[in-house]
Amino acid sequence: MKSFYHYLMKHRHPKPKDKISEFANQAYEDHTFPKYSSDYHELSSYLEVSGDYLSSMSVFDDAWEHYIVEVKNK
């Protein structure tokens, strides 16, 4: 199964189209992002402490919901 980071990277875009694209670009630049995690609690805890680039945790929650639908439910 793909990690959340791996899933998120498909949303990277040179000119971000939405908040998830912005999040993906910023997560790519974050060298301490937990790249191999697929655990919601681990990722949300990390972002609450170190994700000062997120405008709101709701961006992560939205991305997580898309991740669950597209990756985990396959």
PDB file of N, CA and C in Angstrom:
ATOM      1  N   MET A   1       0.834  -1.179   0.000  1.00  0.00           N
ATOM      2  CA  MET A   1       0.000   0.000   0.000  1.00  0.00           C
ATOM      3  C   MET A   1       0.884   1.251   0.000  1.00  0.00           C
ATOM      4  N   LYS A   2       0.469   2.255  -0.743  1.00  0.00           N
ATOM      5  CA  LYS A   2       1.207   3.513  -0.811  1.00  0.00           C
ATOM      6  C   LYS A   2       1.123   4.252   0.519  1.00  0.00           C
ATOM      7  N   SER A   3       2.211   4.893   0.883  1.00  0.00           N
ATOM      8  CA  SER A   3       2.170   5.762   2.053  1.00  0.00           C
ATOM      9  C   SER A   3       1.371   7.021   1.699  1.00  0.00           C
ATOM     10  N   PHE A   4       0.960   7.740   2.716  1.00  0.00           N
ATOM     11  CA  PHE A   4       0.224   8.978   2.480  1.00  0.00           C
ATOM     12  C   PHE A   4       1.090   9.958   1.690  1.00  0.00           C
ATOM     13  N   TYR A   5       2.357  10.043   2.033  1.00  0.00           N
ATOM     14  CA  TYR A   5       3.275  10.954   1.332  1.00  0.00           C
ATOM     15  C   TYR A   5       3.339  10.605  -0.155  1.00  0.00           C
ATOM     16  N   HIS A   6       3.482   9.321  -0.453  1.00  0.00           N
ATOM     17  CA  HIS A   6       3.554   8.879  -1.849  1.00  0.00           C
ATOM     18  C   HIS A   6       2.279   9.293  -2.595  1.00  0.00           C
ATOM     19  N   TYR A   7       1.143   9.090  -1.954  1.00  0.00           N
ATOM     20  CA  TYR A   7      -0.132   9.511  -2.549  1.00  0.00           C
ATOM     21  C   TYR A   7      -0.151  11.022  -2.755  1.00  0.00           C
ATOM     22  N   LEU A   8       0.267  11.772  -1.727  1.00  0.00           N
ATOM     23  CA  LEU A   8       0.217  13.233  -1.773  1.00  0.00           C
ATOM     24  C   LEU A   8       1.075  13.795  -2.903  1.00  0.00           C
ATOM     25  N   MET A   9       2.180  13.133  -3.209  1.00  0.00           N
ATOM     26  CA  MET A   9       3.103  13.648  -4.225  1.00  0.00           C
ATOM     27  C   MET A   9       2.484  13.687  -5.622  1.00  0.00           C
ATOM     28  N   LYS A  10       1.437  12.916  -5.859  1.00  0.00           N
ATOM     29  CA  LYS A  10       0.789  12.987  -7.173  1.00  0.00           C
ATOM     30  C   LYS A  10       0.019  14.298  -7.333  1.00  0.00           C
ATOM     31  N   HIS A  11      -0.133  15.048  -6.245  1.00  0.00           N
ATOM     32  CA  HIS A  11      -0.841  16.334  -6.288  1.00  0.00           C
ATOM     33  C   HIS A  11       0.104  17.529  -6.393  1.00  0.00           C
ATOM     34  N   ARG A  12       1.407  17.267  -6.434  1.00  0.00           N
ATOM     35  CA  ARG A  12       2.355  18.374  -6.590  1.00  0.00           C
ATOM     36  C   ARG A  12       2.133  19.042  -7.935  1.00  0.00           C
ATOM     37  N   HIS A  13       2.305  20.346  -7.942  1.00  0.00           N
ATOM     38  CA  HIS A  13       2.084  21.094  -9.173  1.00  0.00           C
ATOM     39  C   HIS A  13       2.900  22.379  -9.099  1.00  0.00           C
ATOM     40  N   PRO A  14       3.613  22.742 -10.169  1.00  0.00           N
ATOM     41  CA  PRO A  14       4.417  23.978 -10.157  1.00  0.00           C
ATOM     42  C   PRO A  14       3.587  25.229  -9.851  1.00  0.00           C
ATOM     43  N   LYS A  15       2.353  25.218 -10.314  1.00  0.00           N
ATOM     44  CA  LYS A  15       1.433  26.317 -10.004  1.00  0.00           C
ATOM     45  C   LYS A  15       0.242  25.692  -9.287  1.00  0.00           C
ATOM     46  N   PRO A  16       0.305  25.622  -7.948  1.00  0.00           N
ATOM     47  CA  PRO A  16      -0.742  24.918  -7.198  1.00  0.00           C
ATOM     48  C   PRO A  16      -2.148  25.356  -7.599  1.00  0.00           C
ATOM     49  N   LYS A  17      -2.984  24.341  -7.818  1.00  0.00           N
ATOM     50  CA  LYS A  17      -4.352  24.580  -8.266  1.00  0.00           C
ATOM     51  C   LYS A  17      -5.325  24.716  -7.098  1.00  0.00           C
ATOM     52  N   ASP A  18      -4.939  24.167  -5.946  1.00  0.00           N
ATOM     53  CA  ASP A  18      -5.811  24.180  -4.776  1.00  0.00           C
ATOM     54  C   ASP A  18      -4.967  23.999  -3.515  1.00  0.00           C
ATOM     55  N   LYS A  19      -5.628  23.927  -2.367  1.00  0.00           N
ATOM     56  CA  LYS A  19      -4.907  23.819  -1.095  1.00  0.00           C
ATOM     57  C   LYS A  19      -4.174  22.488  -0.954  1.00  0.00           C
ATOM     58  N   ILE A  20      -4.702  21.430  -1.545  1.00  0.00           N
ATOM     59  CA  ILE A  20      -4.018  20.138  -1.472  1.00  0.00           C
ATOM     60  C   ILE A  20      -2.741  20.175  -2.310  1.00  0.00           C
ATOM     61  N   SER A  21      -2.773  20.833  -3.456  1.00  0.00           N
ATOM     62  CA  SER A  21      -1.558  20.995  -4.265  1.00  0.00           C
ATOM     63  C   SER A  21      -0.508  21.810  -3.500  1.00  0.00           C
ATOM     64  N   GLU A  22      -0.944  22.856  -2.824  1.00  0.00           N
ATOM     65  CA  GLU A  22      -0.019  23.662  -2.011  1.00  0.00           C
ATOM     66  C   GLU A  22       0.578  22.802  -0.905  1.00  0.00           C
ATOM     67  N   PHE A  23      -0.261  22.011  -0.239  1.00  0.00           N
ATOM     68  CA  PHE A  23       0.190  21.109   0.821  1.00  0.00           C
ATOM     69  C   PHE A  23       1.214  20.120   0.268  1.00  0.00           C
ATOM     70  N   ALA A  24       0.941  19.541  -0.886  1.00  0.00           N
ATOM     71  CA  ALA A  24       1.865  18.577  -1.490  1.00  0.00           C
ATOM     72  C   ALA A  24       3.214  19.222  -1.784  1.00  0.00           C
ATOM     73  N   ASN A  25       3.197  20.412  -2.333  1.00  0.00           N
ATOM     74  CA  ASN A  25       4.447  21.115  -2.626  1.00  0.00           C
ATOM     75  C   ASN A  25       5.239  21.387  -1.347  1.00  0.00           C
ATOM     76  N   GLN A  26       4.540  21.802  -0.301  1.00  0.00           N
ATOM     77  CA  GLN A  26       5.217  22.118   0.955  1.00  0.00           C
ATOM     78  C   GLN A  26       5.716  20.859   1.654  1.00  0.00           C
ATOM     79  N   ALA A  27       4.936  19.774   1.603  1.00  0.00           N
ATOM     80  CA  ALA A  27       5.371  18.511   2.203  1.00  0.00           C
ATOM     81  C   ALA A  27       6.618  17.992   1.493  1.00  0.00           C
ATOM     82  N   TYR A  28       6.694  18.203   0.193  1.00  0.00           N
ATOM     83  CA  TYR A  28       7.875  17.796  -0.573  1.00  0.00           C
ATOM     84  C   TYR A  28       9.129  18.510  -0.076  1.00  0.00           C
ATOM     85  N   GLU A  29       8.974  19.770   0.282  1.00  0.00           N
ATOM     86  CA  GLU A  29      10.101  20.560   0.789  1.00  0.00           C
ATOM     87  C   GLU A  29      10.441  20.239   2.243  1.00  0.00           C
ATOM     88  N   ASP A  30       9.536  19.586   2.965  1.00  0.00           N
ATOM     89  CA  ASP A  30       9.715  19.244   4.378  1.00  0.00           C
ATOM     90  C   ASP A  30      10.496  17.933   4.471  1.00  0.00           C
ATOM     91  N   HIS A  31      11.780  18.027   4.729  1.00  0.00           N
ATOM     92  CA  HIS A  31      12.648  16.850   4.716  1.00  0.00           C
ATOM     93  C   HIS A  31      12.455  15.932   5.914  1.00  0.00           C
ATOM     94  N   THR A  32      11.687  16.353   6.909  1.00  0.00           N
ATOM     95  CA  THR A  32      11.420  15.491   8.062  1.00  0.00           C
ATOM     96  C   THR A  32      10.010  14.907   8.046  1.00  0.00           C
ATOM     97  N   PHE A  33       9.254  15.172   6.979  1.00  0.00           N
ATOM     98  CA  PHE A  33       7.896  14.619   6.859  1.00  0.00           C
ATOM     99  C   PHE A  33       7.974  13.094   6.937  1.00  0.00           C
ATOM    100  N   PRO A  34       7.070  12.459   7.697  1.00  0.00           N
ATOM    101  CA  PRO A  34       7.091  10.991   7.798  1.00  0.00           C
ATOM    102  C   PRO A  34       6.657  10.316   6.484  1.00  0.00           C
ATOM    103  N   LYS A  35       7.605  10.132   5.614  1.00  0.00           N
ATOM    104  CA  LYS A  35       7.345   9.714   4.234  1.00  0.00           C
ATOM    105  C   LYS A  35       6.789   8.302   4.084  1.00  0.00           C
ATOM    106  N   TYR A  36       7.019   7.445   5.054  1.00  0.00           N
ATOM    107  CA  TYR A  36       6.586   6.051   4.905  1.00  0.00           C
ATOM    108  C   TYR A  36       5.368   5.712   5.744  1.00  0.00           C
ATOM    109  N   SER A  37       4.773   6.702   6.354  1.00  0.00           N
ATOM    110  CA  SER A  37       3.638   6.460   7.246  1.00  0.00           C
ATOM    111  C   SER A  37       2.312   6.421   6.491  1.00  0.00           C
ATOM    112  N   SER A  38       1.456   5.543   6.983  1.00  0.00           N
ATOM    113  CA  SER A  38       0.074   5.470   6.525  1.00  0.00           C
ATOM    114  C   SER A  38      -0.856   5.543   7.735  1.00  0.00           C
ATOM    115  N   ASP A  39      -0.344   6.113   8.820  1.00  0.00           N
ATOM    116  CA  ASP A  39      -1.081   6.188  10.070  1.00  0.00           C
ATOM    117  C   ASP A  39      -1.585   7.613  10.306  1.00  0.00           C
ATOM    118  N   TYR A  40      -2.889   7.768  10.355  1.00  0.00           N
ATOM    119  CA  TYR A  40      -3.506   9.085  10.506  1.00  0.00           C
ATOM    120  C   TYR A  40      -2.986   9.819  11.737  1.00  0.00           C
ATOM    121  N   HIS A  41      -2.933   9.121  12.872  1.00  0.00           N
ATOM    122  CA  HIS A  41      -2.547   9.777  14.128  1.00  0.00           C
ATOM    123  C   HIS A  41      -1.083  10.226  14.116  1.00  0.00           C
ATOM    124  N   GLU A  42      -0.227   9.405  13.561  1.00  0.00           N
ATOM    125  CA  GLU A  42       1.184   9.786  13.457  1.00  0.00           C
ATOM    126  C   GLU A  42       1.338  11.034  12.577  1.00  0.00           C
ATOM    127  N   LEU A  43       0.669  11.025  11.433  1.00  0.00           N
ATOM    128  CA  LEU A  43       0.773  12.146  10.501  1.00  0.00           C
ATOM    129  C   LEU A  43       0.145  13.421  11.071  1.00  0.00           C
ATOM    130  N   SER A  44      -1.036  13.299  11.663  1.00  0.00           N
ATOM    131  CA  SER A  44      -1.684  14.500  12.199  1.00  0.00           C
ATOM    132  C   SER A  44      -0.892  15.066  13.373  1.00  0.00           C
ATOM    133  N   SER A  45      -0.326  14.211  14.218  1.00  0.00           N
ATOM    134  CA  SER A  45       0.503  14.692  15.326  1.00  0.00           C
ATOM    135  C   SER A  45       1.735  15.425  14.794  1.00  0.00           C
ATOM    136  N   TYR A  46       2.362  14.844  13.779  1.00  0.00           N
ATOM    137  CA  TYR A  46       3.530  15.489  13.176  1.00  0.00           C
ATOM    138  C   TYR A  46       3.155  16.867  12.625  1.00  0.00           C
ATOM    139  N   LEU A  47       2.068  16.934  11.883  1.00  0.00           N
ATOM    140  CA  LEU A  47       1.674  18.197  11.254  1.00  0.00           C
ATOM    141  C   LEU A  47       1.235  19.248  12.274  1.00  0.00           C
ATOM    142  N   GLU A  48       0.621  18.812  13.371  1.00  0.00           N
ATOM    143  CA  GLU A  48       0.230  19.765  14.412  1.00  0.00           C
ATOM    144  C   GLU A  48       1.454  20.428  15.034  1.00  0.00           C
ATOM    145  N   VAL A  49       2.540  19.680  15.142  1.00  0.00           N
ATOM    146  CA  VAL A  49       3.762  20.210  15.752  1.00  0.00           C
ATOM    147  C   VAL A  49       4.671  20.883  14.728  1.00  0.00           C
ATOM    148  N   SER A  50       4.818  20.268  13.564  1.00  0.00           N
ATOM    149  CA  SER A  50       5.818  20.721  12.600  1.00  0.00           C
ATOM    150  C   SER A  50       5.257  21.237  11.280  1.00  0.00           C
ATOM    151  N   GLY A  51       3.972  21.190  11.107  1.00  0.00           N
ATOM    152  CA  GLY A  51       3.391  21.569   9.821  1.00  0.00           C
ATOM    153  C   GLY A  51       2.926  23.013   9.779  1.00  0.00           C
ATOM    154  N   ASP A  52       3.825  23.917  10.168  1.00  0.00           N
ATOM    155  CA  ASP A  52       3.445  25.334  10.202  1.00  0.00           C
ATOM    156  C   ASP A  52       3.139  25.884   8.811  1.00  0.00           C
ATOM    157  N   TYR A  53       3.446  25.117   7.789  1.00  0.00           N
ATOM    158  CA  TYR A  53       3.142  25.542   6.420  1.00  0.00           C
ATOM    159  C   TYR A  53       1.680  25.276   6.038  1.00  0.00           C
ATOM    160  N   LEU A  54       0.964  24.506   6.837  1.00  0.00           N
ATOM    161  CA  LEU A  54      -0.449  24.243   6.553  1.00  0.00           C
ATOM    162  C   LEU A  54      -1.293  25.416   7.032  1.00  0.00           C
ATOM    163  N   SER A  55      -2.172  25.900   6.177  1.00  0.00           N
ATOM    164  CA  SER A  55      -3.046  27.008   6.580  1.00  0.00           C
ATOM    165  C   SER A  55      -4.064  26.535   7.614  1.00  0.00           C
ATOM    166  N   SER A  56      -4.418  25.250   7.556  1.00  0.00           N
ATOM    167  CA  SER A  56      -5.391  24.668   8.475  1.00  0.00           C
ATOM    168  C   SER A  56      -5.257  23.148   8.430  1.00  0.00           C
ATOM    169  N   MET A  57      -5.502  22.498   9.559  1.00  0.00           N
ATOM    170  CA  MET A  57      -5.457  21.038   9.576  1.00  0.00           C
ATOM    171  C   MET A  57      -6.578  20.443   8.719  1.00  0.00           C
ATOM    172  N   SER A  58      -7.574  21.237   8.378  1.00  0.00           N
ATOM    173  CA  SER A  58      -8.647  20.724   7.519  1.00  0.00           C
ATOM    174  C   SER A  58      -8.111  20.367   6.133  1.00  0.00           C
ATOM    175  N   VAL A  59      -7.026  21.003   5.720  1.00  0.00           N
ATOM    176  CA  VAL A  59      -6.396  20.661   4.429  1.00  0.00           C
ATOM    177  C   VAL A  59      -5.870  19.225   4.505  1.00  0.00           C
ATOM    178  N   PHE A  60      -5.202  18.898   5.602  1.00  0.00           N
ATOM    179  CA  PHE A  60      -4.725  17.527   5.800  1.00  0.00           C
ATOM    180  C   PHE A  60      -5.907  16.567   5.847  1.00  0.00           C
ATOM    181  N   ASP A  61      -6.947  16.917   6.597  1.00  0.00           N
ATOM    182  CA  ASP A  61      -8.118  16.039   6.703  1.00  0.00           C
ATOM    183  C   ASP A  61      -8.757  15.781   5.343  1.00  0.00           C
ATOM    184  N   ASP A  62      -8.856  16.806   4.517  1.00  0.00           N
ATOM    185  CA  ASP A  62      -9.408  16.635   3.161  1.00  0.00           C
ATOM    186  C   ASP A  62      -8.525  15.704   2.330  1.00  0.00           C
ATOM    187  N   ALA A  63      -7.222  15.937   2.392  1.00  0.00           N
ATOM    188  CA  ALA A  63      -6.284  15.092   1.642  1.00  0.00           C
ATOM    189  C   ALA A  63      -6.352  13.655   2.149  1.00  0.00           C
ATOM    190  N   TRP A  64      -6.474  13.490   3.471  1.00  0.00           N
ATOM    191  CA  TRP A  64      -6.558  12.147   4.057  1.00  0.00           C
ATOM    192  C   TRP A  64      -7.801  11.415   3.556  1.00  0.00           C
ATOM    193  N   GLU A  65      -8.928  12.110   3.499  1.00  0.00           N
ATOM    194  CA  GLU A  65     -10.160  11.484   3.013  1.00  0.00           C
ATOM    195  C   GLU A  65     -10.002  11.007   1.566  1.00  0.00           C
ATOM    196  N   HIS A  66      -9.374  11.813   0.726  1.00  0.00           N
ATOM    197  CA  HIS A  66      -9.121  11.401  -0.661  1.00  0.00           C
ATOM    198  C   HIS A  66      -8.188  10.192  -0.693  1.00  0.00           C
ATOM    199  N   TYR A  67      -7.190  10.202   0.160  1.00  0.00           N
ATOM    200  CA  TYR A  67      -6.239   9.089   0.263  1.00  0.00           C
ATOM    201  C   TYR A  67      -6.964   7.795   0.625  1.00  0.00           C
ATOM    202  N   ILE A  68      -7.820   7.862   1.622  1.00  0.00           N
ATOM    203  CA  ILE A  68      -8.565   6.671   2.061  1.00  0.00           C
ATOM    204  C   ILE A  68      -9.397   6.116   0.909  1.00  0.00           C
ATOM    205  N   VAL A  69     -10.108   6.986   0.223  1.00  0.00           N
ATOM    206  CA  VAL A  69     -10.970   6.561  -0.877  1.00  0.00           C
ATOM    207  C   VAL A  69     -10.154   5.961  -2.028  1.00  0.00           C
ATOM    208  N   GLU A  70      -9.068   6.640  -2.407  1.00  0.00           N
ATOM    209  CA  GLU A  70      -8.317   6.229  -3.599  1.00  0.00           C
ATOM    210  C   GLU A  70      -7.309   5.112  -3.352  1.00  0.00           C
ATOM    211  N   VAL A  71      -6.730   5.049  -2.162  1.00  0.00           N
ATOM    212  CA  VAL A  71      -5.637   4.105  -1.949  1.00  0.00           C
ATOM    213  C   VAL A  71      -6.007   2.975  -0.981  1.00  0.00           C
ATOM    214  N   LYS A  72      -6.465   3.335   0.179  1.00  0.00           N
ATOM    215  CA  LYS A  72      -6.696   2.312   1.203  1.00  0.00           C
ATOM    216  C   LYS A  72      -7.887   1.424   0.902  1.00  0.00           C
ATOM    217  N   ASN A  73      -8.857   1.910   0.188  1.00  0.00           N
ATOM    218  CA  ASN A  73     -10.041   1.104  -0.095  1.00  0.00           C
ATOM    219  C   ASN A  73      -9.918   0.261  -1.357  1.00  0.00           C
ATOM    220  N   LYS A  74      -8.747   0.187  -1.940  1.00  0.00           N
ATOM    221  CA  LYS A  74      -8.567  -0.625  -3.154  1.00  0.00           C
ATOM    222  C   LYS A  74      -8.311  -2.052  -2.776  1.00  0.00           C
TER     223      LYS A  74
END
